[in-house]
Amino acid sequence: MSAIYIGVMTGTSMDGLDLVAASFDPLKIHATLTLKFEEDLRDQLMALSLPDDNEIDRMAVAHVSLGKMIGNGVNQLIEDNQLDRSQIKLVMRTSLPNSPIFLWFTIFAVVIWQQMVKVRHWFLRFIKCYFSTTVSIG
């Protein structure tokens, strides 16, 4: 059973959300989905790029709306493609350059990072054990 990673990206074009579900062992794209922003949400997000009154309050309102859209989009991606929720290991969002290839590489980088964290934890345990043994003997 291969782990599934879901990536969500808004991108700089401000046209909507791009979602992808992928596995890396073996390499497979399970599903993709693009959702257009509702005009009101797009206007809210675009307005935040310029200084104005109540920016923090307006940002909070837009953040909640965007969060709901992302959650609904992830659920739609899972349900429309009958993905097994127990296989999903990570749902990640980025707002960097609007390119499905960039999103795919971002997810891949997170998978590599997770493996490096495991190695780092093992290495730190080894160093701790080594030094505690050295100190107690020496």
N, C-alpha and C. Protein backbone atom coordinates (compact mmCIF):
# COMPACT_ATOMS: atom_id res chain seq x y z
N MET A 1 0.84 -1.18 0.00
CA MET A 1 0.00 0.00 0.00
C MET A 1 0.90 1.25 0.00
N SER A 2 0.78 2.05 -1.04
CA SER A 2 1.63 3.23 -1.21
C SER A 2 0.97 4.46 -0.58
N ALA A 3 1.79 5.29 0.08
CA ALA A 3 1.29 6.52 0.70
C ALA A 3 0.87 7.50 -0.39
N ILE A 4 -0.21 8.23 -0.11
CA ILE A 4 -0.70 9.25 -1.03
C ILE A 4 -0.48 10.61 -0.39
N TYR A 5 0.05 11.54 -1.18
CA TYR A 5 0.31 12.90 -0.74
C TYR A 5 -0.56 13.83 -1.57
N ILE A 6 -1.27 14.75 -0.90
CA ILE A 6 -2.14 15.69 -1.60
C ILE A 6 -1.54 17.08 -1.49
N GLY A 7 -1.39 17.73 -2.65
CA GLY A 7 -0.87 19.08 -2.70
C GLY A 7 -1.94 20.03 -3.20
N VAL A 8 -1.98 21.22 -2.60
CA VAL A 8 -2.94 22.26 -2.98
C VAL A 8 -2.16 23.53 -3.23
N MET A 9 -2.45 24.20 -4.35
CA MET A 9 -1.73 25.41 -4.69
C MET A 9 -2.69 26.47 -5.19
N THR A 10 -2.50 27.71 -4.72
CA THR A 10 -3.29 28.82 -5.22
C THR A 10 -2.56 29.55 -6.33
N GLY A 11 -1.26 29.65 -6.25
CA GLY A 11 -0.49 30.30 -7.29
C GLY A 11 -0.65 31.81 -7.32
N THR A 12 0.08 32.45 -8.18
CA THR A 12 0.06 33.91 -8.25
C THR A 12 -0.96 34.45 -9.23
N SER A 13 -1.57 33.59 -10.04
CA SER A 13 -2.56 34.07 -11.02
C SER A 13 -3.90 34.40 -10.37
N MET A 14 -4.11 33.91 -9.16
CA MET A 14 -5.34 34.19 -8.40
C MET A 14 -6.61 33.75 -9.14
N ASP A 15 -6.51 32.66 -9.89
CA ASP A 15 -7.69 32.20 -10.61
C ASP A 15 -8.41 31.06 -9.90
N GLY A 16 -7.72 30.37 -8.98
CA GLY A 16 -8.37 29.27 -8.28
C GLY A 16 -7.37 28.36 -7.60
N LEU A 17 -7.83 27.17 -7.29
CA LEU A 17 -7.02 26.15 -6.61
C LEU A 17 -6.67 25.03 -7.57
N ASP A 18 -5.43 24.56 -7.48
CA ASP A 18 -5.02 23.35 -8.18
C ASP A 18 -4.70 22.31 -7.12
N LEU A 19 -5.23 21.10 -7.28
CA LEU A 19 -5.00 20.02 -6.33
C LEU A 19 -4.45 18.81 -7.07
N VAL A 20 -3.58 18.07 -6.41
CA VAL A 20 -3.05 16.84 -6.98
C VAL A 20 -2.90 15.81 -5.86
N ALA A 21 -3.16 14.55 -6.19
CA ALA A 21 -2.91 13.43 -5.28
C ALA A 21 -1.89 12.55 -5.96
N ALA A 22 -0.76 12.32 -5.28
CA ALA A 22 0.34 11.57 -5.90
C ALA A 22 0.97 10.62 -4.91
N SER A 23 1.60 9.57 -5.46
CA SER A 23 2.43 8.63 -4.69
C SER A 23 3.82 8.67 -5.29
N PHE A 24 4.81 8.29 -4.49
CA PHE A 24 6.18 8.34 -4.98
C PHE A 24 6.87 6.98 -4.94
N ASP A 25 6.19 5.97 -4.45
CA ASP A 25 6.79 4.64 -4.41
C ASP A 25 5.71 3.61 -4.69
N PRO A 26 5.36 3.33 -5.93
CA PRO A 26 5.95 3.85 -7.16
C PRO A 26 5.38 5.22 -7.50
N LEU A 27 6.05 5.91 -8.41
CA LEU A 27 5.64 7.23 -8.85
C LEU A 27 4.31 7.14 -9.60
N LYS A 28 3.28 7.86 -9.09
CA LYS A 28 1.97 7.81 -9.72
C LYS A 28 1.17 9.05 -9.34
N ILE A 29 0.54 9.66 -10.32
CA ILE A 29 -0.42 10.73 -10.04
C ILE A 29 -1.80 10.09 -10.04
N HIS A 30 -2.45 10.11 -8.89
CA HIS A 30 -3.76 9.46 -8.74
C HIS A 30 -4.88 10.33 -9.27
N ALA A 31 -4.78 11.65 -9.04
CA ALA A 31 -5.88 12.53 -9.42
C ALA A 31 -5.42 13.99 -9.42
N THR A 32 -6.11 14.80 -10.22
CA THR A 32 -5.91 16.24 -10.21
C THR A 32 -7.27 16.91 -10.24
N LEU A 33 -7.31 18.14 -9.76
CA LEU A 33 -8.56 18.90 -9.74
C LEU A 33 -8.22 20.39 -9.76
N THR A 34 -8.94 21.14 -10.55
CA THR A 34 -8.80 22.60 -10.57
C THR A 34 -10.16 23.19 -10.24
N LEU A 35 -10.18 24.10 -9.27
CA LEU A 35 -11.41 24.78 -8.86
C LEU A 35 -11.22 26.28 -9.02
N LYS A 36 -12.16 26.93 -9.66
CA LYS A 36 -12.11 28.39 -9.82
C LYS A 36 -12.56 29.06 -8.53
N PHE A 37 -11.90 30.20 -8.21
CA PHE A 37 -12.35 30.99 -7.07
C PHE A 37 -13.71 31.60 -7.39
N GLU A 38 -14.57 31.65 -6.38
CA GLU A 38 -15.79 32.44 -6.53
C GLU A 38 -15.36 33.89 -6.63
N GLU A 39 -16.10 34.68 -7.35
CA GLU A 39 -15.71 36.07 -7.61
C GLU A 39 -15.51 36.86 -6.32
N ASP A 40 -16.37 36.65 -5.34
CA ASP A 40 -16.26 37.37 -4.07
C ASP A 40 -14.95 37.04 -3.35
N LEU A 41 -14.58 35.76 -3.30
CA LEU A 41 -13.34 35.36 -2.64
C LEU A 41 -12.14 35.91 -3.40
N ARG A 42 -12.16 35.83 -4.71
CA ARG A 42 -11.06 36.37 -5.51
C ARG A 42 -10.89 37.87 -5.25
N ASP A 43 -12.00 38.59 -5.20
CA ASP A 43 -11.94 40.03 -4.93
C ASP A 43 -11.36 40.30 -3.53
N GLN A 44 -11.76 39.49 -2.55
CA GLN A 44 -11.22 39.65 -1.19
C GLN A 44 -9.71 39.44 -1.18
N LEU A 45 -9.26 38.39 -1.85
CA LEU A 45 -7.83 38.09 -1.87
C LEU A 45 -7.04 39.15 -2.64
N MET A 46 -7.58 39.59 -3.76
CA MET A 46 -6.90 40.64 -4.55
C MET A 46 -6.81 41.94 -3.75
N ALA A 47 -7.86 42.28 -3.01
CA ALA A 47 -7.87 43.51 -2.22
C ALA A 47 -6.79 43.49 -1.14
N LEU A 48 -6.43 42.30 -0.68
CA LEU A 48 -5.40 42.20 0.36
C LEU A 48 -4.00 42.52 -0.15
N SER A 49 -3.83 42.60 -1.46
CA SER A 49 -2.51 42.91 -2.01
C SER A 49 -2.22 44.41 -1.98
N LEU A 50 -3.21 45.20 -1.60
CA LEU A 50 -3.04 46.65 -1.52
C LEU A 50 -3.34 47.11 -0.10
N PRO A 51 -2.63 48.17 0.38
CA PRO A 51 -2.91 48.67 1.73
C PRO A 51 -4.31 49.28 1.81
N ASP A 52 -4.97 49.04 2.92
CA ASP A 52 -6.32 49.58 3.13
C ASP A 52 -6.65 49.41 4.61
N ASP A 53 -7.82 49.89 5.00
CA ASP A 53 -8.26 49.78 6.39
C ASP A 53 -8.63 48.33 6.72
N ASN A 54 -8.50 48.00 8.00
CA ASN A 54 -8.93 46.70 8.54
C ASN A 54 -8.31 45.51 7.82
N GLU A 55 -7.04 45.62 7.45
CA GLU A 55 -6.39 44.54 6.71
C GLU A 55 -6.39 43.22 7.48
N ILE A 56 -6.15 43.28 8.77
CA ILE A 56 -6.09 42.05 9.56
C ILE A 56 -7.45 41.39 9.63
N ASP A 57 -8.50 42.19 9.84
CA ASP A 57 -9.85 41.62 9.87
C ASP A 57 -10.24 41.04 8.52
N ARG A 58 -9.94 41.77 7.45
CA ARG A 58 -10.28 41.30 6.10
C ARG A 58 -9.48 40.04 5.76
N MET A 59 -8.22 40.00 6.20
CA MET A 59 -7.39 38.82 5.96
C MET A 59 -7.98 37.60 6.67
N ALA A 60 -8.46 37.79 7.89
CA ALA A 60 -9.04 36.67 8.64
C ALA A 60 -10.28 36.13 7.93
N VAL A 61 -11.12 37.01 7.44
CA VAL A 61 -12.33 36.59 6.73
C VAL A 61 -11.96 35.82 5.47
N ALA A 62 -11.00 36.35 4.70
CA ALA A 62 -10.58 35.68 3.47
C ALA A 62 -9.92 34.34 3.79
N HIS A 63 -9.14 34.30 4.87
CA HIS A 63 -8.45 33.07 5.27
C HIS A 63 -9.45 31.96 5.59
N VAL A 64 -10.51 32.29 6.30
CA VAL A 64 -11.54 31.30 6.63
C VAL A 64 -12.23 30.81 5.35
N SER A 65 -12.57 31.73 4.46
CA SER A 65 -13.22 31.35 3.20
C SER A 65 -12.31 30.45 2.36
N LEU A 66 -11.04 30.82 2.27
CA LEU A 66 -10.09 30.02 1.51
C LEU A 66 -9.89 28.65 2.16
N GLY A 67 -9.82 28.62 3.48
CA GLY A 67 -9.67 27.34 4.19
C GLY A 67 -10.84 26.41 3.92
N LYS A 68 -12.04 26.96 3.91
CA LYS A 68 -13.22 26.13 3.61
C LYS A 68 -13.17 25.61 2.18
N MET A 69 -12.73 26.47 1.26
CA MET A 69 -12.63 26.05 -0.14
C MET A 69 -11.59 24.94 -0.30
N ILE A 70 -10.46 25.08 0.39
CA ILE A 70 -9.42 24.06 0.32
C ILE A 70 -9.93 22.74 0.90
N GLY A 71 -10.56 22.80 2.06
CA GLY A 71 -11.10 21.58 2.68
C GLY A 71 -12.11 20.89 1.78
N ASN A 72 -13.02 21.68 1.20
CA ASN A 72 -14.02 21.11 0.29
C ASN A 72 -13.36 20.54 -0.95
N GLY A 73 -12.32 21.22 -1.45
CA GLY A 73 -11.61 20.74 -2.63
C GLY A 73 -10.90 19.43 -2.38
N VAL A 74 -10.24 19.33 -1.22
CA VAL A 74 -9.55 18.07 -0.87
C VAL A 74 -10.56 16.94 -0.75
N ASN A 75 -11.67 17.20 -0.08
CA ASN A 75 -12.70 16.16 0.04
C ASN A 75 -13.25 15.77 -1.33
N GLN A 76 -13.47 16.74 -2.21
CA GLN A 76 -13.97 16.44 -3.55
C GLN A 76 -12.95 15.61 -4.33
N LEU A 77 -11.67 15.96 -4.23
CA LEU A 77 -10.62 15.20 -4.91
C LEU A 77 -10.63 13.74 -4.43
N ILE A 78 -10.74 13.56 -3.13
CA ILE A 78 -10.74 12.21 -2.54
C ILE A 78 -11.98 11.43 -2.99
N GLU A 79 -13.15 12.05 -2.86
CA GLU A 79 -14.40 11.36 -3.14
C GLU A 79 -14.59 11.09 -4.63
N ASP A 80 -14.30 12.09 -5.49
CA ASP A 80 -14.50 11.91 -6.93
C ASP A 80 -13.59 10.83 -7.50
N ASN A 81 -12.45 10.62 -6.87
CA ASN A 81 -11.48 9.65 -7.38
C ASN A 81 -11.39 8.40 -6.51
N GLN A 82 -12.29 8.28 -5.54
CA GLN A 82 -12.38 7.13 -4.65
C GLN A 82 -11.03 6.76 -4.05
N LEU A 83 -10.32 7.79 -3.54
CA LEU A 83 -9.03 7.55 -2.89
C LEU A 83 -9.25 6.99 -1.50
N ASP A 84 -8.38 6.11 -1.06
CA ASP A 84 -8.45 5.51 0.26
C ASP A 84 -7.86 6.49 1.28
N ARG A 85 -8.70 7.05 2.13
CA ARG A 85 -8.25 8.05 3.11
C ARG A 85 -7.16 7.51 4.03
N SER A 86 -7.15 6.21 4.29
CA SER A 86 -6.13 5.65 5.18
C SER A 86 -4.74 5.69 4.55
N GLN A 87 -4.65 5.86 3.24
CA GLN A 87 -3.37 5.94 2.56
C GLN A 87 -2.82 7.36 2.50
N ILE A 88 -3.64 8.35 2.83
CA ILE A 88 -3.21 9.75 2.72
C ILE A 88 -2.33 10.10 3.92
N LYS A 89 -1.09 10.49 3.62
CA LYS A 89 -0.10 10.78 4.65
C LYS A 89 0.11 12.27 4.86
N LEU A 90 -0.20 13.10 3.87
CA LEU A 90 0.08 14.53 3.97
C LEU A 90 -0.84 15.30 3.05
N VAL A 91 -1.37 16.41 3.54
CA VAL A 91 -2.07 17.39 2.71
C VAL A 91 -1.30 18.68 2.90
N MET A 92 -0.81 19.24 1.81
CA MET A 92 0.08 20.39 1.87
C MET A 92 -0.41 21.48 0.94
N ARG A 93 -0.27 22.74 1.38
CA ARG A 93 -0.68 23.87 0.55
C ARG A 93 0.49 24.80 0.34
N THR A 94 0.59 25.33 -0.87
CA THR A 94 1.58 26.36 -1.17
C THR A 94 0.92 27.43 -2.04
N SER A 95 1.44 28.63 -1.98
CA SER A 95 0.91 29.70 -2.84
C SER A 95 2.02 30.23 -3.74
N LEU A 96 2.98 29.37 -4.04
CA LEU A 96 4.10 29.76 -4.88
C LEU A 96 3.74 29.64 -6.35
N PRO A 97 4.69 29.80 -7.25
CA PRO A 97 4.39 29.87 -8.69
C PRO A 97 3.37 28.84 -9.16
N ASN A 98 2.49 29.31 -10.03
CA ASN A 98 1.35 28.52 -10.47
C ASN A 98 1.75 27.53 -11.55
N SER A 99 2.22 26.36 -11.12
CA SER A 99 2.64 25.33 -12.06
C SER A 99 2.42 23.97 -11.42
N PRO A 100 1.66 23.09 -12.07
CA PRO A 100 1.47 21.75 -11.51
C PRO A 100 2.79 21.02 -11.29
N ILE A 101 3.78 21.24 -12.16
CA ILE A 101 5.09 20.61 -11.99
C ILE A 101 5.74 21.11 -10.71
N PHE A 102 5.62 22.41 -10.44
CA PHE A 102 6.19 22.97 -9.20
C PHE A 102 5.52 22.33 -7.98
N LEU A 103 4.21 22.18 -8.03
CA LEU A 103 3.49 21.56 -6.92
C LEU A 103 3.96 20.12 -6.72
N TRP A 104 4.11 19.38 -7.81
CA TRP A 104 4.56 18.00 -7.72
C TRP A 104 5.94 17.94 -7.09
N PHE A 105 6.87 18.80 -7.51
CA PHE A 105 8.21 18.82 -6.93
C PHE A 105 8.19 19.25 -5.47
N THR A 106 7.29 20.14 -5.10
CA THR A 106 7.17 20.56 -3.71
C THR A 106 6.77 19.38 -2.84
N ILE A 107 5.79 18.61 -3.30
CA ILE A 107 5.37 17.43 -2.53
C ILE A 107 6.53 16.43 -2.44
N PHE A 108 7.22 16.23 -3.56
CA PHE A 108 8.36 15.31 -3.57
C PHE A 108 9.41 15.77 -2.55
N ALA A 109 9.67 17.08 -2.50
CA ALA A 109 10.65 17.61 -1.54
C ALA A 109 10.22 17.34 -0.11
N VAL A 110 8.92 17.43 0.17
CA VAL A 110 8.42 17.15 1.53
C VAL A 110 8.64 15.68 1.87
N VAL A 111 8.42 14.79 0.91
CA VAL A 111 8.64 13.36 1.16
C VAL A 111 10.11 13.12 1.47
N ILE A 112 11.01 13.71 0.69
CA ILE A 112 12.44 13.57 0.94
C ILE A 112 12.79 14.14 2.32
N TRP A 113 12.23 15.30 2.65
CA TRP A 113 12.49 15.93 3.95
C TRP A 113 12.05 15.02 5.08
N GLN A 114 10.88 14.38 4.94
CA GLN A 114 10.41 13.47 5.98
C GLN A 114 11.41 12.34 6.20
N GLN A 115 11.97 11.81 5.12
CA GLN A 115 12.96 10.75 5.26
C GLN A 115 14.22 11.27 5.94
N MET A 116 14.62 12.51 5.61
CA MET A 116 15.81 13.10 6.23
C MET A 116 15.58 13.32 7.72
N VAL A 117 14.37 13.69 8.10
CA VAL A 117 14.06 13.88 9.52
C VAL A 117 14.21 12.56 10.26
N LYS A 118 13.76 11.47 9.64
CA LYS A 118 13.92 10.16 10.27
C LYS A 118 15.40 9.84 10.47
N VAL A 119 16.21 10.11 9.45
CA VAL A 119 17.65 9.87 9.55
C VAL A 119 18.25 10.77 10.62
N ARG A 120 17.83 12.02 10.67
CA ARG A 120 18.35 12.96 11.68
C ARG A 120 18.03 12.47 13.09
N HIS A 121 16.80 12.01 13.31
CA HIS A 121 16.43 11.50 14.63
C HIS A 121 17.30 10.30 15.01
N TRP A 122 17.52 9.40 14.04
CA TRP A 122 18.37 8.25 14.31
C TRP A 122 19.78 8.71 14.65
N PHE A 123 20.32 9.68 13.88
CA PHE A 123 21.67 10.18 14.10
C PHE A 123 21.78 10.84 15.48
N LEU A 124 20.79 11.64 15.87
CA LEU A 124 20.84 12.30 17.18
C LEU A 124 20.78 11.28 18.31
N ARG A 125 19.98 10.24 18.14
CA ARG A 125 19.94 9.19 19.17
C ARG A 125 21.29 8.50 19.26
N PHE A 126 21.92 8.24 18.11
CA PHE A 126 23.24 7.62 18.09
C PHE A 126 24.26 8.49 18.81
N ILE A 127 24.28 9.79 18.50
CA ILE A 127 25.24 10.72 19.12
C ILE A 127 25.00 10.78 20.63
N LYS A 128 23.73 10.86 21.03
CA LYS A 128 23.41 10.92 22.45
C LYS A 128 23.89 9.65 23.15
N CYS A 129 23.63 8.52 22.55
CA CYS A 129 24.06 7.24 23.12
C CYS A 129 25.59 7.17 23.17
N TYR A 130 26.24 7.61 22.11
CA TYR A 130 27.71 7.57 22.04
C TYR A 130 28.33 8.42 23.14
N PHE A 131 27.83 9.67 23.25
CA PHE A 131 28.41 10.57 24.25
C PHE A 131 28.09 10.15 25.67
N SER A 132 26.89 9.62 25.89
CA SER A 132 26.57 9.17 27.25
C SER A 132 27.45 7.97 27.62
N THR A 133 27.74 7.10 26.66
CA THR A 133 28.64 5.96 26.91
C THR A 133 30.07 6.45 27.15
N THR A 134 30.50 7.40 26.32
CA THR A 134 31.87 7.93 26.45
C THR A 134 32.06 8.63 27.77
N VAL A 135 31.08 9.43 28.18
CA VAL A 135 31.19 10.17 29.44
C VAL A 135 31.17 9.20 30.62
N SER A 136 30.30 8.19 30.58
CA SER A 136 30.24 7.28 31.72
C SER A 136 31.47 6.40 31.84
N ILE A 137 32.10 6.07 30.70
CA ILE A 137 33.31 5.26 30.77
C ILE A 137 34.51 6.13 31.14
N GLY A 138 34.60 7.30 30.48
CA GLY A 138 35.76 8.16 30.64
C GLY A 138 35.77 8.81 31.97
